[in-house]
């Protein structure tokens, strides 16, 4: 398993879809997964540390698990079949019992972020669907992922002028993304980009 972190959400306007971008923690590969608008909004809120006045679905589910004495050990993007990603959530039940629950990647990622649980990607998935961080011949999705990381770094050091330039560049790349087909999605119910 490869440990990853969520580094951002990108929009893909022509398809009315979004991409959640996972980056391996100890490497240079990125894994883009196409997800739906509602799921993108949920993950984006979690990444920004924002909350609605009323609980979202992932808030409710995390609260139910906590009240039941169940904790989220990890989430794993475990498979890629027919251009659709699959995920599992590993739960620690009271005592030593561990259960793995099938989930859409977007739901698993949101629950992991809410629970502050690790996110992993199976080696075979990363090997078949990840993109490299090599500066030469990057796809548009790779460029967007890289720029999201840079944007985050500039905001952290309060270099807002540079951050604005990067944001504008991301937007221009996102409009060009319409020329490219997705490598994988979160599932048929979330709309393919």
Protein backbone atom coordinates (compact mmCIF):
# COMPACT_ATOMS: atom_id res chain seq x y z
CA UNK A 1 0.00 0.00 0.00
CA UNK A 2 1.13 3.53 -0.78
CA UNK A 3 0.31 6.37 1.61
CA UNK A 4 -1.20 9.39 -0.11
CA UNK A 5 -2.60 12.80 0.76
CA UNK A 6 -5.38 14.80 -0.84
CA UNK A 7 -3.79 17.87 -2.37
CA UNK A 8 -6.76 19.43 -4.10
CA UNK A 9 -9.89 19.39 -6.17
CA UNK A 10 -9.95 20.54 -9.79
CA UNK A 11 -12.96 21.32 -11.91
CA UNK A 12 -13.49 19.88 -15.38
CA UNK A 13 -16.13 22.28 -16.79
CA UNK A 14 -17.03 20.68 -20.11
CA UNK A 15 -18.01 17.45 -18.40
CA UNK A 16 -19.46 19.12 -15.31
CA UNK A 17 -17.17 16.91 -13.28
CA UNK A 18 -14.39 17.28 -10.79
CA UNK A 19 -11.07 15.62 -10.07
CA UNK A 20 -9.78 14.81 -6.59
CA UNK A 21 -6.00 14.63 -6.69
CA UNK A 22 -4.07 12.25 -4.45
CA UNK A 23 -0.28 12.50 -4.17
CA UNK A 24 1.94 9.81 -2.75
CA UNK A 25 3.58 11.05 0.46
CA UNK A 26 6.97 9.50 -0.25
CA UNK A 27 7.15 9.87 -3.98
CA UNK A 28 6.32 12.02 -6.94
CA UNK A 29 3.27 10.34 -8.43
CA UNK A 30 -0.25 11.79 -8.53
CA UNK A 31 -3.53 9.90 -8.81
CA UNK A 32 -6.44 11.89 -10.31
CA UNK A 33 -9.93 10.46 -9.68
CA UNK A 34 -12.97 11.98 -11.36
CA UNK A 35 -15.86 12.58 -8.92
CA UNK A 36 -19.22 14.35 -8.86
CA UNK A 37 -19.97 17.94 -7.84
CA UNK A 38 -21.52 17.16 -4.44
CA UNK A 39 -18.61 14.90 -3.51
CA UNK A 40 -16.11 17.52 -4.64
CA UNK A 41 -17.84 20.13 -2.48
CA UNK A 42 -17.71 17.84 0.57
CA UNK A 43 -14.02 17.07 0.14
CA UNK A 44 -13.23 20.72 -0.56
CA UNK A 45 -14.98 21.81 2.66
CA UNK A 46 -12.99 19.24 4.65
CA UNK A 47 -9.70 20.34 3.06
CA UNK A 48 -10.44 23.96 3.98
CA UNK A 49 -11.53 23.07 7.52
CA UNK A 50 -14.99 24.55 6.93
CA UNK A 51 -18.28 23.21 8.25
CA UNK A 52 -21.94 23.77 7.47
CA UNK A 53 -24.25 24.83 10.31
CA UNK A 54 -25.92 21.41 10.03
CA UNK A 55 -24.08 18.08 9.66
CA UNK A 56 -23.21 16.79 6.22
CA UNK A 57 -23.61 13.08 5.42
CA UNK A 58 -19.95 12.33 6.26
CA UNK A 59 -20.37 14.23 9.57
CA UNK A 60 -23.39 12.11 10.43
CA UNK A 61 -21.68 8.87 9.49
CA UNK A 62 -18.53 9.75 11.46
CA UNK A 63 -20.65 10.66 14.50
CA UNK A 64 -22.61 7.39 14.30
CA UNK A 65 -19.38 5.38 14.11
CA UNK A 66 -17.91 7.26 17.06
CA UNK A 67 -21.05 6.80 19.17
CA UNK A 68 -20.95 3.09 18.38
CA UNK A 69 -17.33 2.79 19.50
CA UNK A 70 -16.12 2.17 15.95
CA UNK A 71 -13.10 3.99 14.54
CA UNK A 72 -11.85 4.43 10.99
CA UNK A 73 -8.39 2.86 10.73
CA UNK A 74 -7.77 3.76 7.08
CA UNK A 75 -9.23 4.03 3.63
CA UNK A 76 -7.75 2.39 0.57
CA UNK A 77 -8.25 2.98 -3.15
CA UNK A 78 -8.01 -0.74 -3.80
CA UNK A 79 -8.92 -1.40 -7.42
CA UNK A 80 -9.51 0.03 -10.89
CA UNK A 81 -11.89 -1.91 -13.17
CA UNK A 82 -13.51 -0.71 -16.38
CA UNK A 83 -12.33 2.85 -15.78
CA UNK A 84 -13.92 2.96 -12.30
CA UNK A 85 -12.00 3.19 -9.02
CA UNK A 86 -13.01 1.10 -5.99
CA UNK A 87 -12.27 1.79 -2.33
CA UNK A 88 -12.51 0.16 1.08
CA UNK A 89 -12.86 1.67 4.53
CA UNK A 90 -11.16 -0.31 7.29
CA UNK A 91 -13.07 -0.06 10.58
CA UNK A 92 -11.88 -1.02 14.05
CA UNK A 93 -14.85 -2.51 15.86
CA UNK A 94 -14.90 -2.75 19.66
CA UNK A 95 -12.06 -5.04 20.67
CA UNK A 96 -9.78 -6.50 18.03
CA UNK A 97 -12.37 -6.98 15.31
CA UNK A 98 -11.57 -5.30 11.98
CA UNK A 99 -14.04 -4.94 9.14
CA UNK A 100 -13.53 -3.70 5.59
CA UNK A 101 -16.46 -1.93 3.94
CA UNK A 102 -16.81 -1.33 0.19
CA UNK A 103 -17.13 2.38 -0.67
CA UNK A 104 -16.88 4.87 -3.50
CA UNK A 105 -13.49 6.59 -3.37
CA UNK A 106 -15.04 10.03 -2.80
CA UNK A 107 -17.02 8.79 0.23
CA UNK A 108 -14.00 6.93 1.60
CA UNK A 109 -11.78 9.99 1.16
CA UNK A 110 -14.33 12.31 2.84
CA UNK A 111 -14.70 9.91 5.78
CA UNK A 112 -10.92 9.58 6.10
CA UNK A 113 -10.48 13.36 6.11
CA UNK A 114 -13.25 13.79 8.68
CA UNK A 115 -11.80 11.01 10.87
CA UNK A 116 -8.19 12.06 10.27
CA UNK A 117 -7.48 8.51 9.11
CA UNK A 118 -4.74 7.59 6.63
CA UNK A 119 -5.53 7.26 2.94
CA UNK A 120 -3.75 4.60 0.89
CA UNK A 121 -3.65 3.41 -2.68
CA UNK A 122 -2.96 -0.19 -3.66
CA UNK A 123 0.32 -0.61 -5.54
CA UNK A 124 -1.39 -2.08 -8.61
CA UNK A 125 -3.75 0.92 -8.83
CA UNK A 126 -0.95 3.46 -8.47
CA UNK A 127 1.17 1.60 -11.02
CA UNK A 128 -1.64 1.51 -13.60
CA UNK A 129 -3.31 4.91 -13.15
CA UNK A 130 -0.87 7.34 -11.52
CA UNK A 131 0.91 10.09 -13.39
CA UNK A 132 4.50 11.14 -12.80
CA UNK A 133 5.75 14.47 -11.49
CA UNK A 134 8.41 14.73 -14.17
CA UNK A 135 8.44 18.31 -15.48
CA UNK A 136 8.62 17.16 -19.09
CA UNK A 137 5.53 15.88 -20.93
CA UNK A 138 3.08 16.40 -18.09
CA UNK A 139 -0.56 15.97 -18.91
CA UNK A 140 -2.90 18.82 -18.08
CA UNK A 141 -4.20 16.96 -15.01
CA UNK A 142 -0.64 16.55 -13.77
CA UNK A 143 0.02 20.23 -14.27
CA UNK A 144 -3.14 21.14 -12.37
CA UNK A 145 -2.20 18.80 -9.51
CA UNK A 146 1.28 20.25 -9.32
CA UNK A 147 -0.06 23.82 -9.38
CA UNK A 148 -2.57 23.05 -6.62
CA UNK A 149 0.33 21.97 -4.42
CA UNK A 150 2.22 25.16 -5.26
CA UNK A 151 -0.91 27.25 -4.62
CA UNK A 152 -1.23 25.68 -1.17
CA UNK A 153 2.42 26.45 -0.40
CA UNK A 154 2.09 30.10 -1.49
CA UNK A 155 -1.06 30.60 0.58
CA UNK A 156 0.65 29.09 3.64
CA UNK A 157 3.45 31.68 3.40
CA UNK A 158 0.93 34.42 2.54
CA UNK A 159 2.39 35.09 -0.93
CA UNK A 160 -1.03 36.05 -2.24
CA UNK A 161 0.08 37.75 -5.46
CA UNK A 162 1.91 34.60 -6.58
CA UNK A 163 -1.01 32.47 -5.39
CA UNK A 164 -3.40 34.52 -7.55
CA UNK A 165 -1.21 33.98 -10.61
CA UNK A 166 -1.15 30.24 -10.00
CA UNK A 167 -4.93 30.19 -9.45
CA UNK A 168 -5.44 31.94 -12.80
CA UNK A 169 -3.11 29.46 -14.51
CA UNK A 170 -5.04 26.55 -12.97
CA UNK A 171 -8.28 27.98 -14.35
CA UNK A 172 -6.83 28.28 -17.86
CA UNK A 173 -5.59 24.67 -17.72
CA UNK A 174 -8.97 23.46 -16.49
CA UNK A 175 -10.62 24.91 -19.57
CA UNK A 176 -8.10 23.04 -21.75
CA UNK A 177 -8.87 19.83 -19.88
CA UNK A 178 -11.97 19.46 -22.03
CA UNK A 179 -9.70 18.13 -24.79
CA UNK A 180 -8.73 15.11 -22.67
CA UNK A 181 -10.65 12.01 -21.60
CA UNK A 182 -10.54 10.89 -17.96
CA UNK A 183 -8.39 7.95 -16.83
CA UNK A 184 -10.83 6.80 -14.19
CA UNK A 185 -13.86 7.85 -12.24
CA UNK A 186 -15.34 7.33 -8.84
CA UNK A 187 -18.22 5.40 -10.31
CA UNK A 188 -21.14 5.69 -12.68
CA UNK A 189 -23.42 7.53 -10.25
CA UNK A 190 -21.03 10.43 -9.88
CA UNK A 191 -20.81 11.36 -13.52
CA UNK A 192 -17.83 10.85 -15.69
CA UNK A 193 -15.74 13.83 -16.56
